[in-house]
Amino acid sequence: MANTQIAAAREGTITEEMERVAERENRDPEFVREQVADGQAVIPANTNHDALDPMIIGREFSTKVNANIGNSETTSDLETELEKLHTAVHYGADTVMDLGTGTDLDEIRETHLEYSPVPLGTVPLYEAVKQAGSPEEITKELLLEIIEKQAEQGVDYMTIHAGILAEHLPLTDGRKTGIVSRGGSIMAKWMEEHGEQNPLFQAFEGICEIFAEHDVTFSLGDSLRPGCLADACDEAQYAELDTLGELTRRAWEYDVQVMVEGPGHVPMHKIAENVQRQQNVCDGAPFYVLGPLVTDVAPGYDHITSAIGAAMAAQAGAAMLCYVTPKEHLGLPEEEDVRDGLAAYRIAAHAGDVANERPGARDWDDALSEARYDFDWREQFRLALDPDRAREYHDQTLPGDNYKEARFCSMCGVEFCSMRIDQDAREDGEMERLDTETDLEASPAAEVNLPPVGTHDSGDLPPVEECGEYPAESAGDD
């Protein structure tokens, strides 16, 4: 019998993790159980991850955001990676993926798991390449060994590039940017060199058995995702998606939780098509999308180009958004890049929830709008997605405490402040003012749709002074 959330849900059991998720989502625990049992939602919660504060990923719940961190062969160490983890949790990441390809991978991973209150994801194929020395030297036995080790360490979900098959490779020949997934390119090279089928595909049942033992969630990798608009929705991408649908159903037979990864670079008018197709092919398994980027022309600003697509994907039914930082395509993100990427994606996720009319999602917007109209600057800052940034920008031009009571900001000044003019007119009796006040404490919204952004139980996360400095008035719990 599998030791997994989906196995318990199918038996009719509401686990402690489901109870916690129901509390955080403001939903009935029985509804949570039903969604998990049907494979429509996942609770990534490895039985060995003691510091975890459980969360849920599914289209019927609030849209979640993942932050990628990790070192490379040229930069980053344990202290730096802990700073990135702290920054990610502090600014609202719902999960974190360690995509490290440098040194000390086990030490960094184990330290993250010791401290992280959010689910941790990995790509075990990267460590396999490190150990083997090159993609060609990877073996099926090595892959299973690394996957089992990471499962025992407590990794909550793993990207497994099992959907790219030998027969898919010729379909990429006409692409502008070929295979842009790191894992996909590694598997493609292995298959070309050996003339055999994808070893992760061949070992899929063995992986399912490991995942069932430790309750690791599949994040089925989109190895053939498009790397530019020209390659979006092509035959290669959709051929792999069909395989991912088959693998989803095979994993469910082992009582293993599954989410499916998606593109990539997709023009705006094809985003809903991508989400709907995945939902149909994969029987409603949660869709976890990277972006998608809606244009290719903005290196240095791809957190913006992708957040546009991410908001649209969330509205269409994507369950989790993988953030993109300003460094995408250019370099390894640093602490400020993580902050900027998370801000862009928390906006996208919240906008998607508002558009989908999730219970109470707009209450946060209404409360901030009321504070803005009342010139309650301190309340505006408190309610802002990034209070420190909002306060910093305001105080660059009007720093004094007296300006926290002012009925204007430096954008319009005193004479041309539209809301001041409007208020004066209403107070003079020329127009009526509707007095409303949104009570966020009574809101039915999920925690991620209420301030502060950082809502995860901090668990044993290292204190701020050990991993980077933040302003005294923080955005939320660390």
Protein backbone atom coordinates (compact mmCIF):
# COMPACT_ATOMS: atom_id res chain seq x y z
CA MET A 1 0.00 0.00 0.00
CA ALA A 2 1.41 3.36 -1.04
CA ASN A 3 2.23 5.82 1.71
CA THR A 4 0.85 8.82 -0.19
CA GLN A 5 -1.74 11.55 0.11
CA ILE A 6 -3.63 10.25 -2.93
CA ALA A 7 -3.76 6.72 -1.50
CA ALA A 8 -5.22 8.02 1.76
CA ALA A 9 -7.68 10.23 -0.12
CA ARG A 10 -8.87 7.32 -2.23
CA GLU A 11 -9.48 5.33 0.95
CA GLY A 12 -11.63 8.17 2.27
CA THR A 13 -9.11 9.39 4.85
CA ILE A 14 -8.63 13.11 5.53
CA THR A 15 -4.99 13.43 6.56
CA GLU A 16 -3.41 16.06 8.78
CA GLU A 17 -1.94 17.60 5.64
CA MET A 18 -5.40 17.86 4.07
CA GLU A 19 -6.71 19.49 7.24
CA ARG A 20 -3.90 22.06 7.15
CA VAL A 21 -4.46 22.73 3.46
CA ALA A 22 -8.19 23.21 4.04
CA GLU A 23 -7.40 25.75 6.75
CA ARG A 24 -5.02 27.69 4.50
CA GLU A 25 -7.39 27.61 1.54
CA ASN A 26 -10.58 28.31 3.51
CA ARG A 27 -12.14 25.19 1.98
CA ASP A 28 -13.93 22.13 3.30
CA PRO A 29 -11.48 19.30 4.15
CA GLU A 30 -13.73 16.85 2.33
CA PHE A 31 -13.45 18.91 -0.86
CA VAL A 32 -9.65 18.84 -0.51
CA ARG A 33 -9.75 15.06 -0.10
CA GLU A 34 -11.95 14.61 -3.18
CA GLN A 35 -9.67 16.75 -5.34
CA VAL A 36 -6.58 14.83 -4.25
CA ALA A 37 -8.31 11.46 -4.70
CA ASP A 38 -9.30 12.37 -8.26
CA GLY A 39 -5.78 13.56 -9.14
CA GLN A 40 -7.07 17.08 -9.73
CA ALA A 41 -4.82 18.48 -7.00
CA VAL A 42 -1.58 17.47 -5.29
CA ILE A 43 -0.16 18.03 -1.82
CA PRO A 44 3.62 17.68 -2.24
CA ALA A 45 4.61 16.37 1.18
CA ASN A 46 7.45 13.88 1.41
CA THR A 47 7.12 11.90 4.62
CA ASN A 48 10.76 12.76 5.43
CA HIS A 49 10.39 16.57 5.15
CA ASP A 50 9.79 17.46 8.80
CA ALA A 51 9.93 21.26 8.42
CA LEU A 52 7.14 21.33 5.83
CA ASP A 53 4.01 23.46 6.14
CA PRO A 54 1.70 21.61 3.69
CA MET A 55 0.14 23.36 0.70
CA ILE A 56 -1.96 22.29 -2.29
CA ILE A 57 -1.66 22.75 -6.04
CA GLY A 58 -4.80 22.44 -8.18
CA ARG A 59 -6.94 24.53 -10.50
CA GLU A 60 -9.78 24.71 -7.94
CA PHE A 61 -7.50 26.30 -5.36
CA SER A 62 -5.55 29.55 -5.22
CA THR A 63 -2.87 29.85 -7.88
CA LYS A 64 0.57 28.98 -6.55
CA VAL A 65 4.03 30.32 -7.43
CA ASN A 66 7.32 28.42 -7.55
CA ALA A 67 10.73 30.05 -7.23
CA ASN A 68 13.79 28.41 -8.79
CA ILE A 69 17.05 28.68 -6.89
CA GLY A 70 20.30 26.73 -7.11
CA ASN A 71 24.00 27.08 -7.70
CA SER A 72 26.01 26.62 -10.88
CA GLU A 73 29.50 25.42 -11.70
CA THR A 74 30.75 29.01 -11.69
CA THR A 75 28.98 30.66 -8.77
CA SER A 76 27.09 30.29 -5.47
CA ASP A 77 27.70 28.41 -2.21
CA LEU A 78 25.67 27.09 0.73
CA GLU A 79 25.34 30.48 2.44
CA THR A 80 24.22 32.14 -0.79
CA GLU A 81 21.70 29.39 -1.47
CA LEU A 82 20.25 29.76 2.04
CA GLU A 83 19.90 33.49 1.37
CA LYS A 84 17.97 32.68 -1.81
CA LEU A 85 15.75 30.24 0.08
CA HIS A 86 15.06 32.84 2.76
CA THR A 87 14.31 35.50 0.13
CA ALA A 88 11.97 33.17 -1.74
CA VAL A 89 9.94 32.25 1.35
CA HIS A 90 10.00 35.85 2.63
CA TYR A 91 8.49 37.18 -0.60
CA GLY A 92 5.81 34.54 -0.97
CA ALA A 93 7.07 31.49 -2.87
CA ASP A 94 4.70 28.57 -2.38
CA THR A 95 7.33 26.05 -3.45
CA VAL A 96 11.05 26.21 -4.23
CA MET A 97 12.99 24.19 -6.80
CA ASP A 98 16.68 23.58 -6.23
CA LEU A 99 18.13 23.43 -9.75
CA GLY A 100 21.74 23.36 -8.57
CA THR A 101 24.37 22.02 -10.96
CA GLY A 102 27.48 23.03 -9.03
CA THR A 103 29.28 21.50 -6.05
CA ASP A 104 28.05 20.28 -2.64
CA LEU A 105 24.63 19.37 -4.02
CA ASP A 106 23.80 16.93 -1.19
CA GLU A 107 24.79 19.36 1.56
CA ILE A 108 22.80 22.20 0.02
CA ARG A 109 19.75 20.00 -0.59
CA GLU A 110 19.76 18.55 2.91
CA THR A 111 20.16 22.01 4.44
CA HIS A 112 17.25 23.35 2.41
CA LEU A 113 15.08 20.46 3.57
CA GLU A 114 16.10 21.00 7.18
CA TYR A 115 14.91 24.61 7.02
CA SER A 116 12.33 24.97 4.26
CA PRO A 117 8.67 25.31 5.28
CA VAL A 118 7.66 25.10 1.60
CA PRO A 119 7.85 22.02 -0.62
CA LEU A 120 11.23 21.49 -2.28
CA GLY A 121 11.52 20.26 -5.84
CA THR A 122 14.57 18.99 -7.72
CA VAL A 123 15.64 17.68 -11.12
CA PRO A 124 17.57 14.47 -10.30
CA LEU A 125 18.84 14.23 -13.86
CA TYR A 126 21.20 17.14 -13.16
CA GLU A 127 22.92 15.27 -10.36
CA ALA A 128 23.12 12.19 -12.58
CA VAL A 129 25.07 14.17 -15.18
CA LYS A 130 27.39 15.49 -12.46
CA GLN A 131 28.11 11.99 -11.18
CA ALA A 132 28.41 10.36 -14.60
CA GLY A 133 30.59 13.10 -16.04
CA SER A 134 28.58 13.48 -19.26
CA PRO A 135 25.05 12.74 -20.52
CA GLU A 136 26.24 9.72 -22.49
CA GLU A 137 27.57 7.98 -19.37
CA ILE A 138 24.27 8.05 -17.47
CA THR A 139 22.74 4.66 -16.71
CA LYS A 140 19.25 3.64 -15.67
CA GLU A 141 20.69 2.26 -12.44
CA LEU A 142 22.37 5.59 -11.62
CA LEU A 143 19.13 7.48 -12.24
CA LEU A 144 17.19 5.22 -9.89
CA GLU A 145 19.93 5.43 -7.26
CA ILE A 146 19.89 9.25 -7.27
CA ILE A 147 16.11 9.45 -7.32
CA GLU A 148 15.87 7.11 -4.33
CA LYS A 149 18.53 9.04 -2.43
CA GLN A 150 16.77 12.36 -2.96
CA ALA A 151 13.44 10.81 -1.97
CA GLU A 152 15.00 9.54 1.26
CA GLN A 153 16.45 13.00 1.91
CA GLY A 154 12.92 14.45 1.83
CA VAL A 155 12.48 16.05 -1.62
CA ASP A 156 8.75 16.70 -2.10
CA TYR A 157 8.52 16.68 -5.89
CA MET A 158 10.87 15.90 -8.74
CA THR A 159 10.92 16.89 -12.38
CA ILE A 160 11.22 13.65 -14.32
CA HIS A 161 11.94 13.99 -18.05
CA ALA A 162 10.30 10.71 -19.00
CA GLY A 163 8.01 12.06 -21.72
CA ILE A 164 10.59 12.78 -24.43
CA LEU A 165 10.89 9.66 -26.61
CA ALA A 166 13.26 8.68 -29.39
CA GLU A 167 10.48 9.00 -31.97
CA HIS A 168 9.91 12.64 -30.93
CA LEU A 169 13.41 13.83 -31.78
CA PRO A 170 12.96 14.13 -35.57
CA LEU A 171 9.95 16.39 -34.89
CA THR A 172 12.31 19.06 -33.54
CA ASP A 173 14.40 19.33 -36.72
CA GLY A 174 12.59 22.38 -38.07
CA ARG A 175 12.62 24.39 -34.85
CA LYS A 176 14.28 27.78 -34.50
CA THR A 177 15.68 27.03 -31.05
CA GLY A 178 15.70 23.24 -30.93
CA ILE A 179 15.39 21.64 -27.49
CA VAL A 180 15.71 24.31 -24.78
CA SER A 181 14.93 22.19 -21.72
CA ARG A 182 18.17 21.24 -19.96
CA GLY A 183 16.76 17.85 -19.06
CA GLY A 184 15.30 17.40 -22.52
CA SER A 185 18.58 18.14 -24.25
CA ILE A 186 20.42 15.70 -21.95
CA MET A 187 17.94 12.91 -22.65
CA ALA A 188 17.97 13.65 -26.38
CA LYS A 189 21.75 13.40 -26.48
CA TRP A 190 21.67 10.14 -24.51
CA MET A 191 19.17 8.59 -26.93
CA GLU A 192 21.13 9.76 -29.97
CA GLU A 193 24.36 8.29 -28.59
CA HIS A 194 22.90 4.96 -27.44
CA GLY A 195 20.22 4.42 -30.05
CA GLU A 196 17.84 3.41 -27.26
CA GLN A 197 14.64 4.67 -25.69
CA ASN A 198 14.68 7.27 -22.88
CA PRO A 199 15.98 5.50 -19.73
CA LEU A 200 13.61 7.52 -17.51
CA PHE A 201 10.71 6.24 -19.61
CA GLN A 202 12.06 2.70 -19.34
CA ALA A 203 12.49 3.00 -15.56
CA PHE A 204 9.15 4.72 -14.94
CA GLU A 205 7.61 1.87 -12.91
CA GLY A 206 10.68 1.76 -10.67
CA ILE A 207 10.44 5.51 -10.12
CA CYS A 208 6.76 5.15 -9.24
CA GLU A 209 7.63 2.56 -6.60
CA ILE A 210 10.18 4.90 -5.00
CA PHE A 211 7.74 7.82 -5.10
CA ALA A 212 4.97 5.69 -3.58
CA GLU A 213 7.18 4.75 -0.65
CA HIS A 214 8.11 8.33 0.29
CA ASP A 215 5.17 10.27 -1.18
CA VAL A 216 7.17 12.18 -3.77
CA THR A 217 5.03 14.00 -6.33
CA PHE A 218 5.80 13.73 -10.02
CA SER A 219 6.38 16.96 -11.88
CA LEU A 220 6.43 15.49 -15.36
CA GLY A 221 8.92 17.57 -17.32
CA ASP A 222 8.08 19.22 -20.62
CA SER A 223 11.37 18.39 -22.34
CA LEU A 224 10.14 19.66 -25.70
CA ARG A 225 8.63 22.93 -24.54
CA PRO A 226 9.02 25.75 -27.07
CA GLY A 227 11.96 28.09 -26.53
CA CYS A 228 10.57 30.81 -28.78
CA LEU A 229 7.23 31.92 -30.17
CA ALA A 230 7.96 30.33 -33.54
CA ASP A 231 8.14 26.86 -31.96
CA ALA A 232 5.00 27.12 -29.82
CA CYS A 233 2.28 24.49 -30.21
CA ASP A 234 4.28 22.45 -32.71
CA GLU A 235 4.09 18.72 -33.34
CA ALA A 236 7.02 17.95 -31.04
CA GLN A 237 5.51 19.76 -28.04
CA TYR A 238 2.13 18.10 -28.41
CA ALA A 239 3.56 14.63 -29.12
CA GLU A 240 5.38 14.76 -25.80
CA LEU A 241 2.24 16.03 -24.07
CA ASP A 242 0.38 12.93 -25.24
CA THR A 243 3.09 10.80 -23.62
CA LEU A 244 2.84 12.84 -20.41
CA GLY A 245 -0.88 12.04 -20.32
CA GLU A 246 -0.09 8.33 -20.52
CA LEU A 247 2.54 8.63 -17.79
CA THR A 248 0.09 10.51 -15.56
CA ARG A 249 -2.34 7.64 -15.67
CA ARG A 250 0.42 5.09 -15.06
CA ALA A 251 1.60 6.99 -11.97
CA TRP A 252 -1.94 7.15 -10.63
CA GLU A 253 -2.07 3.35 -10.82
CA TYR A 254 0.72 3.35 -8.22
CA ASP A 255 -1.14 5.90 -6.02
CA VAL A 256 1.47 8.55 -6.82
CA GLN A 257 0.57 12.23 -7.12
CA VAL A 258 1.22 13.96 -10.45
CA MET A 259 1.46 17.45 -11.85
CA VAL A 260 2.49 18.21 -15.41
CA GLU A 261 4.88 20.92 -16.56
CA GLY A 262 4.09 23.22 -19.48
CA PRO A 263 5.61 25.83 -21.77
CA GLY A 264 7.58 27.96 -22.28
CA HIS A 265 7.29 30.65 -24.95
CA VAL A 266 3.71 30.99 -26.24
CA PRO A 267 1.97 33.92 -27.95
CA MET A 268 -0.94 35.31 -25.99
CA HIS A 269 -3.66 34.03 -28.29
CA LYS A 270 -2.51 30.41 -27.85
CA ILE A 271 -2.11 30.29 -24.06
CA ALA A 272 -5.65 29.15 -23.25
CA GLU A 273 -5.34 26.49 -25.96
CA ASN A 274 -2.23 25.11 -24.25
CA VAL A 275 -3.88 24.94 -20.84
CA GLN A 276 -7.08 23.38 -22.14
CA ARG A 277 -5.20 20.80 -24.17
CA GLN A 278 -3.10 19.74 -21.18
CA GLN A 279 -6.17 19.43 -18.99
CA ASN A 280 -7.87 17.21 -21.56
CA VAL A 281 -4.84 15.05 -22.36
CA CYS A 282 -3.77 14.63 -18.71
CA ASP A 283 -7.26 14.10 -17.25
CA GLY A 284 -7.19 17.29 -15.19
CA ALA A 285 -3.83 16.76 -13.46
CA PRO A 286 -2.52 20.13 -12.18
CA PHE A 287 -0.69 22.17 -14.82
CA TYR A 288 2.57 23.82 -13.75
CA VAL A 289 3.72 26.39 -16.32
CA LEU A 290 6.99 28.27 -16.86
CA GLY A 291 5.72 31.71 -17.80
CA PRO A 292 4.75 31.44 -20.58
CA LEU A 293 6.73 34.26 -22.20
CA VAL A 294 4.52 36.13 -24.66
CA THR A 295 7.32 37.80 -26.61
CA ASP A 296 10.99 37.05 -27.26
CA VAL A 297 12.34 40.59 -27.57
CA ALA A 298 12.91 41.65 -23.95
CA PRO A 299 16.04 40.12 -22.38
CA GLY A 300 16.44 41.72 -18.95
CA TYR A 301 12.68 42.13 -18.62
CA ASP A 302 11.48 38.57 -19.04
CA HIS A 303 9.91 38.61 -15.57
CA ILE A 304 7.44 41.02 -17.19
CA THR A 305 6.98 39.27 -20.55
CA SER A 306 6.37 36.00 -18.73
CA ALA A 307 4.14 37.38 -15.98
CA ILE A 308 1.72 38.57 -18.66
CA GLY A 309 1.47 35.02 -19.96
CA ALA A 310 1.38 33.59 -16.44
CA ALA A 311 -1.68 35.67 -15.52
CA MET A 312 -3.46 34.48 -18.65
CA ALA A 313 -2.49 30.87 -17.97
CA ALA A 314 -3.78 31.16 -14.40
CA GLN A 315 -7.09 32.49 -15.65
CA ALA A 316 -7.28 29.58 -18.11
CA GLY A 317 -6.73 27.00 -15.36
CA ALA A 318 -3.00 26.61 -14.70
CA ALA A 319 -2.49 25.59 -11.07
CA MET A 320 1.07 26.76 -10.43
CA LEU A 321 3.31 29.34 -12.08
CA CYS A 322 7.07 28.95 -12.20
CA TYR A 323 8.54 32.40 -11.83
CA VAL A 324 10.96 33.97 -14.28
CA THR A 325 13.46 36.55 -13.07
CA PRO A 326 15.00 39.52 -14.92
CA LYS A 327 18.09 37.34 -15.40
CA GLU A 328 16.27 34.73 -17.52
CA HIS A 329 18.37 33.82 -20.57
CA LEU A 330 21.18 36.02 -19.24
CA GLY A 331 22.61 34.74 -15.96
CA LEU A 332 22.12 33.10 -12.57
CA PRO A 333 19.58 35.04 -10.46
CA GLU A 334 20.76 36.79 -7.32
CA GLU A 335 18.77 37.82 -4.27
CA GLU A 336 17.19 40.96 -5.79
CA ASP A 337 16.30 39.03 -8.95
CA VAL A 338 14.45 36.48 -6.82
CA ARG A 339 12.53 39.31 -5.16
CA ASP A 340 11.59 40.93 -8.48
CA GLY A 341 10.60 37.63 -10.06
CA LEU A 342 8.39 36.69 -7.13
CA ALA A 343 6.69 40.09 -7.10
CA ALA A 344 5.83 39.75 -10.80
CA TYR A 345 4.47 36.25 -10.31
CA ARG A 346 2.54 36.91 -7.12
CA ILE A 347 0.81 39.67 -9.09
CA ALA A 348 0.09 37.25 -11.95
CA ALA A 349 -1.24 34.55 -9.61
CA HIS A 350 -3.44 36.98 -7.71
CA ALA A 351 -4.75 38.53 -10.93
CA GLY A 352 -5.67 35.05 -12.17
CA ASP A 353 -7.53 34.30 -8.93
CA VAL A 354 -9.42 37.58 -9.15
CA ALA A 355 -10.35 36.86 -12.78
CA ASN A 356 -11.54 33.38 -11.82
CA GLU A 357 -13.59 34.88 -8.97
CA ARG A 358 -11.99 32.74 -6.30
CA PRO A 359 -13.81 33.31 -2.98
CA GLY A 360 -12.64 36.56 -1.40
CA ALA A 361 -9.71 37.01 -3.80
CA ARG A 362 -10.63 40.62 -4.60
CA ASP A 363 -11.07 41.63 -0.96
CA TRP A 364 -7.36 42.46 -0.73
CA ASP A 365 -7.66 44.78 -3.73
CA ASP A 366 -10.74 46.45 -2.28
CA ALA A 367 -9.11 47.03 1.10
CA LEU A 368 -6.04 48.62 -0.46
CA SER A 369 -8.20 50.78 -2.75
CA GLU A 370 -10.10 52.08 0.27
CA ALA A 371 -6.83 52.95 2.04
CA ARG A 372 -5.56 54.68 -1.09
CA TYR A 373 -8.71 56.79 -1.45
CA ASP A 374 -8.52 57.73 2.23
CA PHE A 375 -4.82 58.73 1.90
CA ASP A 376 -4.05 56.22 4.63
CA TRP A 377 -0.44 55.78 3.56
CA ARG A 378 0.58 53.48 6.39
CA GLU A 379 -2.31 51.15 5.63
CA GLN A 380 -1.43 51.23 1.94
CA PHE A 381 2.09 50.15 2.75
CA ARG A 382 0.89 47.45 5.12
CA LEU A 383 -1.47 46.01 2.52
CA ALA A 384 0.95 46.23 -0.40
CA LEU A 385 2.28 43.04 -1.95
CA ASP A 386 5.80 44.32 -1.19
CA PRO A 387 5.36 46.86 1.64
CA ASP A 388 9.04 47.74 1.81
CA ARG A 389 9.21 48.59 -1.89
CA ALA A 390 6.01 50.67 -1.75
CA ARG A 391 7.26 52.62 1.27
CA GLU A 392 10.69 53.10 -0.31
CA TYR A 393 9.28 54.58 -3.52
CA HIS A 394 6.93 56.91 -1.65
CA ASP A 395 9.66 58.11 0.69
CA GLN A 396 12.16 58.84 -2.07
CA THR A 397 10.35 62.14 -2.67
CA LEU A 398 8.23 62.64 0.47
CA PRO A 399 10.19 61.04 3.32
CA GLY A 400 8.92 62.96 6.35
CA ASP A 401 6.35 61.53 8.76
CA ASN A 402 4.09 64.48 8.04
CA TYR A 403 3.70 63.20 4.48
CA LYS A 404 2.17 59.99 5.83
CA GLU A 405 -0.88 62.16 6.57
CA ALA A 406 -0.76 64.12 3.30
CA ARG A 407 -3.65 64.10 0.84
CA PHE A 408 -1.36 63.85 -2.16
CA CYS A 409 1.80 62.17 -3.43
CA SER A 410 4.59 63.53 -5.61
CA MET A 411 3.05 62.22 -8.83
CA CYS A 412 0.28 64.85 -8.99
CA GLY A 413 1.15 67.18 -6.14
CA VAL A 414 -1.36 69.09 -4.05
CA GLU A 415 -3.28 70.97 -6.73
CA PHE A 416 -3.75 68.16 -9.23
CA CYS A 417 -4.49 65.18 -7.00
CA SER A 418 -7.66 63.74 -8.52
CA MET A 419 -8.79 61.87 -5.40
CA ARG A 420 -8.34 64.96 -3.22
CA ILE A 421 -10.41 66.99 -5.69
CA ASP A 422 -13.04 64.24 -5.79
CA GLN A 423 -13.19 64.02 -2.00
CA ASP A 424 -13.56 67.77 -1.63
CA ALA A 425 -16.42 67.77 -4.11
CA ARG A 426 -18.20 65.00 -2.25
CA GLU A 427 -17.69 66.69 1.11
CA ASP A 428 -19.18 69.88 -0.32
CA GLY A 429 -22.32 67.93 -1.15
CA GLU A 430 -21.93 68.06 -4.90
CA MET A 431 -21.64 64.27 -5.12
CA GLU A 432 -22.33 61.41 -2.73
CA ARG A 433 -19.62 59.27 -1.21
CA LEU A 434 -20.20 55.58 -0.61
CA ASP A 435 -18.63 54.67 2.70
CA THR A 436 -17.45 51.06 2.61
CA GLU A 437 -14.87 49.11 4.53
CA THR A 438 -13.57 45.66 3.62
CA ASP A 439 -12.98 43.39 6.58
CA LEU A 440 -10.05 41.19 5.58
CA GLU A 441 -10.25 39.20 8.80
CA ALA A 442 -13.70 38.02 7.74
CA SER A 443 -12.70 37.35 4.14
CA PRO A 444 -13.21 33.83 2.76
CA ALA A 445 -10.02 34.19 0.70
CA ALA A 446 -7.21 31.67 0.78
CA GLU A 447 -4.11 32.80 2.67
CA VAL A 448 -2.20 33.59 -0.52
CA ASN A 449 -4.90 36.09 -1.45
CA LEU A 450 -4.54 38.01 1.78
CA PRO A 451 -1.68 40.13 3.13
CA PRO A 452 1.02 39.62 4.16
CA VAL A 453 2.55 37.75 1.23
CA GLY A 454 4.80 35.50 3.32
CA THR A 455 2.20 33.26 5.00
CA HIS A 456 4.06 29.97 5.41
CA ASP A 457 4.97 28.79 8.86
CA SER A 458 8.62 29.75 9.13
CA GLY A 459 9.52 26.46 10.85
CA ASP A 460 13.25 26.32 11.39
CA LEU A 461 14.19 28.77 8.64
CA PRO A 462 17.43 30.52 9.66
CA PRO A 463 16.96 33.97 11.19
CA VAL A 464 17.28 37.00 8.94
CA GLU A 465 20.64 38.05 10.34
CA GLU A 466 22.11 34.75 9.18
CA CYS A 467 20.91 35.02 5.60
CA GLY A 468 20.67 38.56 4.33
CA GLU A 469 19.38 41.84 5.68
CA TYR A 470 15.81 43.04 5.30
CA PRO A 471 14.14 46.26 6.39
CA ALA A 472 12.79 46.26 9.92
CA GLU A 473 9.18 46.39 8.74
CA SER A 474 8.97 43.18 6.72
CA ALA A 475 6.42 42.00 4.19
CA GLY A 476 5.35 39.12 6.36
CA ASP A 477 6.45 36.14 8.38
CA ASP A 478 9.88 34.86 7.41
